[in-house]
Amino acid sequence: MTFAAGKSLARMALVRLGSPTHGFDQNQRYVPSTNFTQVGPETYLVQAPTSSTDAPPWNYRLFVLHNCTPHNVPSVAHST
């Protein structure tokens, strides 16, 4: 993935999209990603979780938090 120049990466996380049933969402999940490497001035290589226990198959959104303010600012995630 590529980011705009001048952005300092704080952390990444996958968020599994939920499947609500009768007002209860049993499948939403937050998976922090600690396995990423900067491979260029604006480019990072992200390794997805290798265990289906950590991240069961489903649709996820990847959020990137930038370290540019006193509070980490999340990116906008899109579903594809």
Foldseek 3Di string as FASTA:
>chain_A
DFDDAPWAWDFKWKWFDFDDDPNDTDDTDIQTFPDKDDPDRGDIDGDDDPDCVRPPDHWIWMWIWTPDDPDTDIDDTDGD
